[in-house]
Amino acid sequence: MDAFLVLTVAAIVLGALGVALFFWTLKSGQYDDMDGAAERILIDDEED
């Protein structure tokens, strides 16, 4: 029963940490330009 309690607390803490990090990435603007990286790979930057 002690292992169950430890694993439950660890799962809740890690889950809360994951949610907090996700909201931090939203706040810092990680998902603002979703199309830029997809289109940037198609641009040829090499000068001939």
C-alpha atoms as a PDB file:
ATOM      1  CA  MET A   1       0.000   0.000   0.000  1.00  0.00           C
ATOM      2  CA  ASP A   2       2.924   2.328   0.635  1.00  0.00           C
ATOM      3  CA  ALA A   3       4.183   1.840  -2.927  1.00  0.00           C
ATOM      4  CA  PHE A   4       0.735   2.683  -4.279  1.00  0.00           C
ATOM      5  CA  LEU A   5       0.685   5.936  -2.311  1.00  0.00           C
ATOM      6  CA  VAL A   6       4.184   6.906  -3.472  1.00  0.00           C
ATOM      7  CA  LEU A   7       3.376   6.135  -7.113  1.00  0.00           C
ATOM      8  CA  THR A   8       0.095   8.041  -6.925  1.00  0.00           C
ATOM      9  CA  VAL A   9       1.755  11.122  -5.465  1.00  0.00           C
ATOM     10  CA  ALA A  10       4.583  10.890  -8.011  1.00  0.00           C
ATOM     11  CA  ALA A  11       2.086  10.629 -10.885  1.00  0.00           C
ATOM     12  CA  ILE A  12       0.129  13.638  -9.653  1.00  0.00           C
ATOM     13  CA  VAL A  13       3.293  15.720  -9.202  1.00  0.00           C
ATOM     14  CA  LEU A  14       4.678  14.786 -12.632  1.00  0.00           C
ATOM     15  CA  GLY A  15       1.310  15.411 -14.263  1.00  0.00           C
ATOM     16  CA  ALA A  16       1.031  18.835 -12.648  1.00  0.00           C
ATOM     17  CA  LEU A  17       4.599  19.621 -13.720  1.00  0.00           C
ATOM     18  CA  GLY A  18       3.780  18.653 -17.315  1.00  0.00           C
ATOM     19  CA  VAL A  19       0.678  20.839 -17.355  1.00  0.00           C
ATOM     20  CA  ALA A  20       2.609  23.749 -15.836  1.00  0.00           C
ATOM     21  CA  LEU A  21       5.366  23.421 -18.451  1.00  0.00           C
ATOM     22  CA  PHE A  22       2.769  23.295 -21.224  1.00  0.00           C
ATOM     23  CA  PHE A  23       1.157  26.527 -20.023  1.00  0.00           C
ATOM     24  CA  TRP A  24       4.629  28.091 -19.711  1.00  0.00           C
ATOM     25  CA  THR A  25       5.316  27.290 -23.373  1.00  0.00           C
ATOM     26  CA  LEU A  26       1.977  28.843 -24.323  1.00  0.00           C
ATOM     27  CA  LYS A  27       2.822  32.000 -22.374  1.00  0.00           C
ATOM     28  CA  SER A  28       6.317  32.281 -23.869  1.00  0.00           C
ATOM     29  CA  GLY A  29       4.991  32.189 -27.451  1.00  0.00           C
ATOM     30  CA  GLN A  30       6.292  28.813 -28.590  1.00  0.00           C
ATOM     31  CA  TYR A  31       3.187  28.169 -30.710  1.00  0.00           C
ATOM     32  CA  ASP A  32       2.659  31.634 -32.219  1.00  0.00           C
ATOM     33  CA  ASP A  33       4.126  30.944 -35.685  1.00  0.00           C
ATOM     34  CA  MET A  34       2.964  27.469 -36.671  1.00  0.00           C
ATOM     35  CA  ASP A  35       3.254  28.034 -40.446  1.00  0.00           C
ATOM     36  CA  GLY A  36       6.613  29.809 -40.458  1.00  0.00           C
ATOM     37  CA  ALA A  37       8.776  26.760 -39.801  1.00  0.00           C
ATOM     38  CA  ALA A  38       6.794  24.649 -42.252  1.00  0.00           C
ATOM     39  CA  GLU A  39       7.271  27.204 -45.039  1.00  0.00           C
ATOM     40  CA  ARG A  40      10.831  28.156 -44.106  1.00  0.00           C
ATOM     41  CA  ILE A  41      12.104  24.696 -44.996  1.00  0.00           C
ATOM     42  CA  LEU A  42      10.961  25.199 -48.593  1.00  0.00           C
ATOM     43  CA  ILE A  43      12.920  28.442 -49.129  1.00  0.00           C
ATOM     44  CA  ASP A  44      16.283  27.984 -50.844  1.00  0.00           C
ATOM     45  CA  ASP A  45      18.799  30.278 -49.109  1.00  0.00           C
ATOM     46  CA  GLU A  46      21.866  29.231 -51.082  1.00  0.00           C
ATOM     47  CA  GLU A  47      23.420  31.884 -53.298  1.00  0.00           C
ATOM     48  CA  ASP A  48      24.767  30.648 -56.651  1.00  0.00           C
END
